[in-house]
């Protein structure tokens, strides 16, 4: 079993990978301890498949916030936007009066995004309040719809916006992953794959693994075309970071690459 679980006063979030029997035992344990399947405290459990182990280890991390925003008024337990089921999402975002906002980070949006969505180009989620202040107006922007990977960030974003005067705020229930799982590709408004925080890197419709990797130097997602670029060297650099790679950093990366090649080739 491998993966990450985040525990905070506001709830639990994470991704676990295991064989089916082990997964059943873990869910039973989490339900017993945290009520992940109990009606009053149930979590949205999503299942998908990986062709290889997507994490290197298993870890549990206690946090003050599941998704760091540092805005106490953003409390989904007190206020939250309108949840929109995946089957109703297309109708909502087809409304010309709806402003569609991606609440994910910039490296995630490079892998895929909803057609017509605004990309705030954020490095981290804590930049969201400033972006809202500069780009949206509750008196003019009457309807705002938001989405994220699994539904937690946009849930928190909706709470923040309601606290700051926005009235008609919507977010995709279950996030992009739920949408890709439920909506047939021929009906989909999604373009590309969805970035995920494990070694699969990206998944597409039906939650099928895409053909993405991550640069070990700068952690940017790389498409097959990116890996053909002259600046790409596996484990060392890509076209995003090659120009800024110092000699010291390159040496450290090459040492690490030799270590891992030796470690796994000896198995």
C-alpha atoms as a PDB file:
ATOM      1  CA  UNK A   1       0.000   0.000   0.000  1.00  0.00           C
ATOM      2  CA  UNK A   2       1.223   3.490  -0.815  1.00  0.00           C
ATOM      3  CA  UNK A   3      -0.080   7.028  -1.096  1.00  0.00           C
ATOM      4  CA  UNK A   4      -0.809  10.084   1.018  1.00  0.00           C
ATOM      5  CA  UNK A   5      -3.573  10.951   3.473  1.00  0.00           C
ATOM      6  CA  UNK A   6      -4.092  14.519   4.673  1.00  0.00           C
ATOM      7  CA  UNK A   7      -5.890  15.023   7.983  1.00  0.00           C
ATOM      8  CA  UNK A   8      -7.215  18.395   9.105  1.00  0.00           C
ATOM      9  CA  UNK A   9      -9.990  19.727  11.363  1.00  0.00           C
ATOM     10  CA  UNK A  10     -12.077  20.346   8.229  1.00  0.00           C
ATOM     11  CA  UNK A  11     -11.824  16.772   6.938  1.00  0.00           C
ATOM     12  CA  UNK A  12      -9.716  14.155   5.185  1.00  0.00           C
ATOM     13  CA  UNK A  13      -8.263  14.040   1.688  1.00  0.00           C
ATOM     14  CA  UNK A  14      -5.761  11.914  -0.144  1.00  0.00           C
ATOM     15  CA  UNK A  15      -4.987   9.168  -2.608  1.00  0.00           C
ATOM     16  CA  UNK A  16      -4.150   5.566  -1.738  1.00  0.00           C
ATOM     17  CA  UNK A  17      -2.963   2.814  -4.048  1.00  0.00           C
ATOM     18  CA  UNK A  18      -3.301  -0.849  -3.121  1.00  0.00           C
ATOM     19  CA  UNK A  19      -4.488  -4.230  -4.313  1.00  0.00           C
ATOM     20  CA  UNK A  20      -8.302  -4.537  -4.057  1.00  0.00           C
ATOM     21  CA  UNK A  21      -8.324  -6.673  -0.892  1.00  0.00           C
ATOM     22  CA  UNK A  22      -5.923  -4.306   0.883  1.00  0.00           C
ATOM     23  CA  UNK A  23      -7.952  -1.313  -0.262  1.00  0.00           C
ATOM     24  CA  UNK A  24     -11.134  -2.797   1.201  1.00  0.00           C
ATOM     25  CA  UNK A  25      -9.390  -3.249   4.553  1.00  0.00           C
ATOM     26  CA  UNK A  26      -8.073   0.321   4.538  1.00  0.00           C
ATOM     27  CA  UNK A  27     -11.489   1.793   3.725  1.00  0.00           C
ATOM     28  CA  UNK A  28     -13.025  -0.311   6.487  1.00  0.00           C
ATOM     29  CA  UNK A  29     -10.376   0.983   8.904  1.00  0.00           C
ATOM     30  CA  UNK A  30     -10.883   4.617   7.855  1.00  0.00           C
ATOM     31  CA  UNK A  31     -14.632   4.233   8.177  1.00  0.00           C
ATOM     32  CA  UNK A  32     -14.260   2.804  11.670  1.00  0.00           C
ATOM     33  CA  UNK A  33     -11.899   5.585  12.789  1.00  0.00           C
ATOM     34  CA  UNK A  34     -13.064   8.572  10.728  1.00  0.00           C
ATOM     35  CA  UNK A  35     -16.461   7.646   9.314  1.00  0.00           C
ATOM     36  CA  UNK A  36     -15.539   7.937   5.636  1.00  0.00           C
ATOM     37  CA  UNK A  37     -18.637   5.924   4.677  1.00  0.00           C
ATOM     38  CA  UNK A  38     -20.918   6.968   7.534  1.00  0.00           C
ATOM     39  CA  UNK A  39     -23.865   9.046   6.325  1.00  0.00           C
ATOM     40  CA  UNK A  40     -23.140  12.192   8.365  1.00  0.00           C
ATOM     41  CA  UNK A  41     -19.401  12.317   7.617  1.00  0.00           C
ATOM     42  CA  UNK A  42     -19.083  10.355   4.370  1.00  0.00           C
ATOM     43  CA  UNK A  43     -16.299  11.214   1.930  1.00  0.00           C
ATOM     44  CA  UNK A  44     -16.558  11.050  -1.839  1.00  0.00           C
ATOM     45  CA  UNK A  45     -14.594   7.917  -2.647  1.00  0.00           C
ATOM     46  CA  UNK A  46     -13.263   7.707  -6.215  1.00  0.00           C
ATOM     47  CA  UNK A  47     -11.661   4.617  -7.724  1.00  0.00           C
ATOM     48  CA  UNK A  48      -9.343   4.291 -10.703  1.00  0.00           C
ATOM     49  CA  UNK A  49      -6.609   1.927 -11.882  1.00  0.00           C
ATOM     50  CA  UNK A  50      -2.872   2.280 -12.377  1.00  0.00           C
ATOM     51  CA  UNK A  51      -0.565   0.021 -14.355  1.00  0.00           C
ATOM     52  CA  UNK A  52       2.264   0.465 -11.852  1.00  0.00           C
ATOM     53  CA  UNK A  53       2.724   1.646  -8.279  1.00  0.00           C
ATOM     54  CA  UNK A  54       1.923   5.387  -8.405  1.00  0.00           C
ATOM     55  CA  UNK A  55       3.613   6.359  -5.108  1.00  0.00           C
ATOM     56  CA  UNK A  56       6.943   5.468  -3.544  1.00  0.00           C
ATOM     57  CA  UNK A  57       5.677   5.198   0.035  1.00  0.00           C
ATOM     58  CA  UNK A  58       2.702   5.661   2.343  1.00  0.00           C
ATOM     59  CA  UNK A  59       2.447   8.740   4.538  1.00  0.00           C
ATOM     60  CA  UNK A  60      -0.115  10.488   6.714  1.00  0.00           C
ATOM     61  CA  UNK A  61       0.175  14.252   7.143  1.00  0.00           C
ATOM     62  CA  UNK A  62      -1.709  16.305   9.742  1.00  0.00           C
ATOM     63  CA  UNK A  63      -2.448  19.826   8.467  1.00  0.00           C
ATOM     64  CA  UNK A  64      -4.155  22.984   9.697  1.00  0.00           C
ATOM     65  CA  UNK A  65      -6.051  23.146   6.390  1.00  0.00           C
ATOM     66  CA  UNK A  66      -6.602  20.423   3.823  1.00  0.00           C
ATOM     67  CA  UNK A  67      -5.902  22.988   1.117  1.00  0.00           C
ATOM     68  CA  UNK A  68      -3.930  25.957   2.401  1.00  0.00           C
ATOM     69  CA  UNK A  69      -5.614  29.309   1.756  1.00  0.00           C
ATOM     70  CA  UNK A  70      -5.025  31.153   5.057  1.00  0.00           C
ATOM     71  CA  UNK A  71      -8.423  32.836   4.900  1.00  0.00           C
ATOM     72  CA  UNK A  72     -10.552  31.931   7.948  1.00  0.00           C
ATOM     73  CA  UNK A  73     -13.707  33.171   6.237  1.00  0.00           C
ATOM     74  CA  UNK A  74     -13.279  30.413   3.634  1.00  0.00           C
ATOM     75  CA  UNK A  75     -15.030  27.742   5.664  1.00  0.00           C
ATOM     76  CA  UNK A  76     -17.149  25.235   3.705  1.00  0.00           C
ATOM     77  CA  UNK A  77     -18.760  24.098   6.965  1.00  0.00           C
ATOM     78  CA  UNK A  78     -20.275  27.582   7.363  1.00  0.00           C
ATOM     79  CA  UNK A  79     -20.972  28.537   3.745  1.00  0.00           C
ATOM     80  CA  UNK A  80     -20.392  26.904   0.411  1.00  0.00           C
ATOM     81  CA  UNK A  81     -21.415  27.413  -3.208  1.00  0.00           C
ATOM     82  CA  UNK A  82     -23.909  25.352  -5.153  1.00  0.00           C
ATOM     83  CA  UNK A  83     -22.729  21.841  -5.959  1.00  0.00           C
ATOM     84  CA  UNK A  84     -23.264  20.933  -9.611  1.00  0.00           C
ATOM     85  CA  UNK A  85     -23.388  17.285 -10.620  1.00  0.00           C
ATOM     86  CA  UNK A  86     -21.210  16.293 -13.600  1.00  0.00           C
ATOM     87  CA  UNK A  87     -24.312  15.497 -15.667  1.00  0.00           C
ATOM     88  CA  UNK A  88     -25.516  19.103 -15.232  1.00  0.00           C
ATOM     89  CA  UNK A  89     -22.134  20.806 -15.646  1.00  0.00           C
ATOM     90  CA  UNK A  90     -22.215  21.287 -19.425  1.00  0.00           C
ATOM     91  CA  UNK A  91     -25.554  23.075 -19.286  1.00  0.00           C
ATOM     92  CA  UNK A  92     -24.230  25.434 -16.625  1.00  0.00           C
ATOM     93  CA  UNK A  93     -20.995  26.380 -18.364  1.00  0.00           C
ATOM     94  CA  UNK A  94     -22.766  26.785 -21.715  1.00  0.00           C
ATOM     95  CA  UNK A  95     -24.651  29.717 -20.170  1.00  0.00           C
ATOM     96  CA  UNK A  96     -23.022  32.862 -21.644  1.00  0.00           C
ATOM     97  CA  UNK A  97     -23.572  34.691 -18.348  1.00  0.00           C
ATOM     98  CA  UNK A  98     -21.429  32.195 -16.427  1.00  0.00           C
ATOM     99  CA  UNK A  99     -17.760  32.952 -15.801  1.00  0.00           C
ATOM    100  CA  UNK A 100     -15.836  29.677 -15.649  1.00  0.00           C
ATOM    101  CA  UNK A 101     -12.716  29.702 -13.446  1.00  0.00           C
ATOM    102  CA  UNK A 102     -10.062  27.032 -12.947  1.00  0.00           C
ATOM    103  CA  UNK A 103      -8.864  27.077  -9.317  1.00  0.00           C
ATOM    104  CA  UNK A 104      -5.816  24.862  -9.912  1.00  0.00           C
ATOM    105  CA  UNK A 105      -2.155  25.802 -10.258  1.00  0.00           C
ATOM    106  CA  UNK A 106      -0.501  26.737 -13.544  1.00  0.00           C
ATOM    107  CA  UNK A 107       1.382  23.458 -14.022  1.00  0.00           C
ATOM    108  CA  UNK A 108      -1.911  21.562 -13.727  1.00  0.00           C
ATOM    109  CA  UNK A 109      -3.744  23.625 -16.320  1.00  0.00           C
ATOM    110  CA  UNK A 110      -1.016  22.879 -18.887  1.00  0.00           C
ATOM    111  CA  UNK A 111      -2.156  19.253 -18.938  1.00  0.00           C
ATOM    112  CA  UNK A 112      -5.833  20.005 -19.536  1.00  0.00           C
ATOM    113  CA  UNK A 113      -8.671  22.464 -18.924  1.00  0.00           C
ATOM    114  CA  UNK A 114     -12.364  22.979 -19.667  1.00  0.00           C
ATOM    115  CA  UNK A 115     -13.097  24.674 -22.957  1.00  0.00           C
ATOM    116  CA  UNK A 116     -13.604  28.399 -22.372  1.00  0.00           C
ATOM    117  CA  UNK A 117     -12.307  28.429 -18.793  1.00  0.00           C
ATOM    118  CA  UNK A 118     -10.239  31.247 -17.321  1.00  0.00           C
ATOM    119  CA  UNK A 119      -6.815  30.157 -16.090  1.00  0.00           C
ATOM    120  CA  UNK A 120      -5.726  32.492 -13.244  1.00  0.00           C
ATOM    121  CA  UNK A 121      -2.118  31.329 -13.798  1.00  0.00           C
ATOM    122  CA  UNK A 122      -1.496  30.700 -10.095  1.00  0.00           C
ATOM    123  CA  UNK A 123       1.668  29.174  -8.695  1.00  0.00           C
ATOM    124  CA  UNK A 124      -0.100  28.230  -5.454  1.00  0.00           C
ATOM    125  CA  UNK A 125      -3.699  28.297  -4.230  1.00  0.00           C
ATOM    126  CA  UNK A 126      -3.020  31.106  -1.727  1.00  0.00           C
ATOM    127  CA  UNK A 127      -2.832  33.464  -4.736  1.00  0.00           C
ATOM    128  CA  UNK A 128      -6.535  32.920  -5.441  1.00  0.00           C
ATOM    129  CA  UNK A 129      -7.946  35.690  -3.174  1.00  0.00           C
ATOM    130  CA  UNK A 130      -5.684  38.308  -4.765  1.00  0.00           C
ATOM    131  CA  UNK A 131      -6.662  37.124  -8.242  1.00  0.00           C
ATOM    132  CA  UNK A 132     -10.361  37.404  -7.359  1.00  0.00           C
ATOM    133  CA  UNK A 133      -9.872  40.906  -5.976  1.00  0.00           C
ATOM    134  CA  UNK A 134      -8.136  42.051  -9.168  1.00  0.00           C
ATOM    135  CA  UNK A 135     -10.246  40.255 -11.755  1.00  0.00           C
ATOM    136  CA  UNK A 136     -13.787  39.669 -10.486  1.00  0.00           C
ATOM    137  CA  UNK A 137     -16.487  41.981  -9.187  1.00  0.00           C
ATOM    138  CA  UNK A 138     -19.526  40.744  -7.238  1.00  0.00           C
ATOM    139  CA  UNK A 139     -21.618  43.601  -8.663  1.00  0.00           C
ATOM    140  CA  UNK A 140     -20.827  42.687 -12.288  1.00  0.00           C
ATOM    141  CA  UNK A 141     -19.953  38.996 -12.310  1.00  0.00           C
ATOM    142  CA  UNK A 142     -23.299  37.545 -11.314  1.00  0.00           C
ATOM    143  CA  UNK A 143     -22.559  33.860 -11.952  1.00  0.00           C
ATOM    144  CA  UNK A 144     -19.213  32.196 -11.307  1.00  0.00           C
ATOM    145  CA  UNK A 145     -18.554  28.477 -11.796  1.00  0.00           C
ATOM    146  CA  UNK A 146     -15.339  26.863 -10.580  1.00  0.00           C
ATOM    147  CA  UNK A 147     -13.649  23.499 -10.802  1.00  0.00           C
ATOM    148  CA  UNK A 148     -10.571  21.659  -9.540  1.00  0.00           C
ATOM    149  CA  UNK A 149      -9.177  18.123  -9.503  1.00  0.00           C
ATOM    150  CA  UNK A 150     -11.382  16.492  -6.885  1.00  0.00           C
ATOM    151  CA  UNK A 151     -13.706  19.274  -5.747  1.00  0.00           C
ATOM    152  CA  UNK A 152     -11.998  20.432  -2.548  1.00  0.00           C
ATOM    153  CA  UNK A 153     -10.186  23.554  -3.748  1.00  0.00           C
ATOM    154  CA  UNK A 154     -13.182  24.928  -5.622  1.00  0.00           C
ATOM    155  CA  UNK A 155     -15.387  24.151  -2.620  1.00  0.00           C
ATOM    156  CA  UNK A 156     -13.111  26.296  -0.474  1.00  0.00           C
ATOM    157  CA  UNK A 157     -12.851  28.939  -3.195  1.00  0.00           C
ATOM    158  CA  UNK A 158     -16.643  29.155  -3.353  1.00  0.00           C
ATOM    159  CA  UNK A 159     -16.806  29.682   0.401  1.00  0.00           C
ATOM    160  CA  UNK A 160     -14.291  32.511   0.130  1.00  0.00           C
ATOM    161  CA  UNK A 161     -16.212  34.203  -2.677  1.00  0.00           C
ATOM    162  CA  UNK A 162     -19.541  33.973  -0.863  1.00  0.00           C
ATOM    163  CA  UNK A 163     -17.906  35.623   2.143  1.00  0.00           C
ATOM    164  CA  UNK A 164     -16.840  38.490  -0.137  1.00  0.00           C
ATOM    165  CA  UNK A 165     -20.169  39.367  -1.665  1.00  0.00           C
ATOM    166  CA  UNK A 166     -20.556  36.980  -4.600  1.00  0.00           C
ATOM    167  CA  UNK A 167     -24.005  35.419  -4.557  1.00  0.00           C
ATOM    168  CA  UNK A 168     -24.295  32.900  -7.401  1.00  0.00           C
ATOM    169  CA  UNK A 169     -21.254  30.687  -7.013  1.00  0.00           C
ATOM    170  CA  UNK A 170     -21.154  27.145  -8.377  1.00  0.00           C
ATOM    171  CA  UNK A 171     -18.589  24.359  -8.294  1.00  0.00           C
ATOM    172  CA  UNK A 172     -18.244  20.962  -9.917  1.00  0.00           C
ATOM    173  CA  UNK A 173     -19.157  18.221  -7.455  1.00  0.00           C
ATOM    174  CA  UNK A 174     -16.448  15.584  -7.321  1.00  0.00           C
ATOM    175  CA  UNK A 175     -14.189  17.733  -9.458  1.00  0.00           C
ATOM    176  CA  UNK A 176     -12.693  17.031 -12.852  1.00  0.00           C
ATOM    177  CA  UNK A 177     -12.059  13.396 -11.973  1.00  0.00           C
ATOM    178  CA  UNK A 178     -15.741  12.728 -11.357  1.00  0.00           C
ATOM    179  CA  UNK A 179     -16.618  14.499 -14.598  1.00  0.00           C
ATOM    180  CA  UNK A 180     -14.111  12.460 -16.612  1.00  0.00           C
ATOM    181  CA  UNK A 181     -15.398   9.274 -15.035  1.00  0.00           C
ATOM    182  CA  UNK A 182     -19.082   9.953 -15.722  1.00  0.00           C
ATOM    183  CA  UNK A 183     -19.277  12.022 -18.910  1.00  0.00           C
ATOM    184  CA  UNK A 184     -18.645  10.278 -22.264  1.00  0.00           C
ATOM    185  CA  UNK A 185     -15.821  11.801 -24.263  1.00  0.00           C
ATOM    186  CA  UNK A 186     -18.104  12.659 -27.165  1.00  0.00           C
ATOM    187  CA  UNK A 187     -20.214  14.834 -24.831  1.00  0.00           C
ATOM    188  CA  UNK A 188     -17.311  16.289 -22.883  1.00  0.00           C
ATOM    189  CA  UNK A 189     -16.232  19.922 -22.664  1.00  0.00           C
ATOM    190  CA  UNK A 190     -12.855  18.889 -21.250  1.00  0.00           C
ATOM    191  CA  UNK A 191      -9.731  19.366 -23.361  1.00  0.00           C
ATOM    192  CA  UNK A 192      -6.624  17.281 -22.644  1.00  0.00           C
ATOM    193  CA  UNK A 193      -5.939  15.219 -19.527  1.00  0.00           C
ATOM    194  CA  UNK A 194      -6.303  15.962 -15.828  1.00  0.00           C
ATOM    195  CA  UNK A 195      -3.117  16.387 -13.805  1.00  0.00           C
ATOM    196  CA  UNK A 196      -2.958  14.069 -10.791  1.00  0.00           C
ATOM    197  CA  UNK A 197      -0.497  14.150  -7.916  1.00  0.00           C
ATOM    198  CA  UNK A 198       1.110  10.772  -8.423  1.00  0.00           C
ATOM    199  CA  UNK A 199       3.334   9.019 -10.920  1.00  0.00           C
ATOM    200  CA  UNK A 200       0.543   8.671 -13.474  1.00  0.00           C
ATOM    201  CA  UNK A 201       0.786  12.482 -13.862  1.00  0.00           C
ATOM    202  CA  UNK A 202      -2.321  12.722 -16.033  1.00  0.00           C
ATOM    203  CA  UNK A 203      -5.561  10.812 -16.624  1.00  0.00           C
ATOM    204  CA  UNK A 204      -8.145  11.229 -19.348  1.00  0.00           C
ATOM    205  CA  UNK A 205     -11.747  10.255 -19.952  1.00  0.00           C
ATOM    206  CA  UNK A 206     -12.698   7.109 -18.112  1.00  0.00           C
ATOM    207  CA  UNK A 207      -9.736   7.931 -15.817  1.00  0.00           C
ATOM    208  CA  UNK A 208      -7.377   6.176 -18.208  1.00  0.00           C
ATOM    209  CA  UNK A 209      -3.691   6.928 -17.763  1.00  0.00           C
ATOM    210  CA  UNK A 210      -2.293   9.469 -20.173  1.00  0.00           C
ATOM    211  CA  UNK A 211       1.213   9.607 -21.617  1.00  0.00           C
ATOM    212  CA  UNK A 212       2.638  12.284 -19.331  1.00  0.00           C
ATOM    213  CA  UNK A 213       5.742  12.401 -17.187  1.00  0.00           C
ATOM    214  CA  UNK A 214       7.294  14.972 -14.851  1.00  0.00           C
ATOM    215  CA  UNK A 215      10.665  16.667 -15.159  1.00  0.00           C
ATOM    216  CA  UNK A 216      12.748  15.564 -12.164  1.00  0.00           C
ATOM    217  CA  UNK A 217      14.521  18.915 -12.094  1.00  0.00           C
ATOM    218  CA  UNK A 218      11.622  21.407 -12.129  1.00  0.00           C
ATOM    219  CA  UNK A 219       8.561  19.129 -11.648  1.00  0.00           C
ATOM    220  CA  UNK A 220       6.794  20.496 -14.734  1.00  0.00           C
ATOM    221  CA  UNK A 221       4.522  17.994 -16.520  1.00  0.00           C
ATOM    222  CA  UNK A 222       5.897  16.821 -19.861  1.00  0.00           C
ATOM    223  CA  UNK A 223       3.960  15.557 -22.867  1.00  0.00           C
ATOM    224  CA  UNK A 224       5.442  13.110 -25.403  1.00  0.00           C
ATOM    225  CA  UNK A 225       6.227  16.134 -27.595  1.00  0.00           C
ATOM    226  CA  UNK A 226       8.018  17.855 -24.701  1.00  0.00           C
ATOM    227  CA  UNK A 227      10.202  14.782 -24.252  1.00  0.00           C
ATOM    228  CA  UNK A 228      11.340  15.107 -27.864  1.00  0.00           C
ATOM    229  CA  UNK A 229      12.672  18.627 -27.253  1.00  0.00           C
ATOM    230  CA  UNK A 230      16.432  19.058 -27.534  1.00  0.00           C
ATOM    231  CA  UNK A 231      16.610  20.372 -23.953  1.00  0.00           C
ATOM    232  CA  UNK A 232      15.043  17.251 -22.482  1.00  0.00           C
ATOM    233  CA  UNK A 233      17.307  14.767 -20.736  1.00  0.00           C
ATOM    234  CA  UNK A 234      15.637  12.179 -18.564  1.00  0.00           C
ATOM    235  CA  UNK A 235      16.161  12.985 -14.901  1.00  0.00           C
ATOM    236  CA  UNK A 236      18.227  16.094 -15.675  1.00  0.00           C
ATOM    237  CA  UNK A 237      16.336  18.861 -17.484  1.00  0.00           C
ATOM    238  CA  UNK A 238      13.582  19.927 -19.871  1.00  0.00           C
ATOM    239  CA  UNK A 239      12.834  22.981 -21.996  1.00  0.00           C
ATOM    240  CA  UNK A 240      11.236  24.666 -18.974  1.00  0.00           C
ATOM    241  CA  UNK A 241      14.372  24.591 -16.831  1.00  0.00           C
ATOM    242  CA  UNK A 242      17.437  23.892 -18.996  1.00  0.00           C
ATOM    243  CA  UNK A 243      18.430  27.553 -19.368  1.00  0.00           C
ATOM    244  CA  UNK A 244      18.430  28.114 -15.608  1.00  0.00           C
ATOM    245  CA  UNK A 245      20.223  24.911 -14.635  1.00  0.00           C
ATOM    246  CA  UNK A 246      23.400  25.643 -12.677  1.00  0.00           C
ATOM    247  CA  UNK A 247      26.454  23.391 -12.829  1.00  0.00           C
ATOM    248  CA  UNK A 248      26.000  22.476  -9.170  1.00  0.00           C
ATOM    249  CA  UNK A 249      22.359  21.573  -9.658  1.00  0.00           C
ATOM    250  CA  UNK A 250      23.127  19.562 -12.797  1.00  0.00           C
ATOM    251  CA  UNK A 251      25.810  17.574 -10.963  1.00  0.00           C
ATOM    252  CA  UNK A 252      23.383  16.768  -8.143  1.00  0.00           C
ATOM    253  CA  UNK A 253      20.755  15.608 -10.639  1.00  0.00           C
ATOM    254  CA  UNK A 254      23.234  13.429 -12.518  1.00  0.00           C
ATOM    255  CA  UNK A 255      24.430  11.880  -9.263  1.00  0.00           C
ATOM    256  CA  UNK A 256      20.834  11.111  -8.319  1.00  0.00           C
ATOM    257  CA  UNK A 257      20.096   9.680 -11.746  1.00  0.00           C
ATOM    258  CA  UNK A 258      23.125   7.364 -11.546  1.00  0.00           C
ATOM    259  CA  UNK A 259      22.033   6.254  -8.072  1.00  0.00           C
ATOM    260  CA  UNK A 260      18.514   5.338  -9.181  1.00  0.00           C
ATOM    261  CA  UNK A 261      19.681   3.624 -12.355  1.00  0.00           C
ATOM    262  CA  UNK A 262      22.097   1.525 -10.330  1.00  0.00           C
ATOM    263  CA  UNK A 263      19.520   0.784  -7.653  1.00  0.00           C
ATOM    264  CA  UNK A 264      16.794  -0.431  -9.984  1.00  0.00           C
ATOM    265  CA  UNK A 265      18.985  -2.102 -12.608  1.00  0.00           C
ATOM    266  CA  UNK A 266      20.380  -4.391  -9.899  1.00  0.00           C
ATOM    267  CA  UNK A 267      16.936  -5.755  -9.005  1.00  0.00           C
END
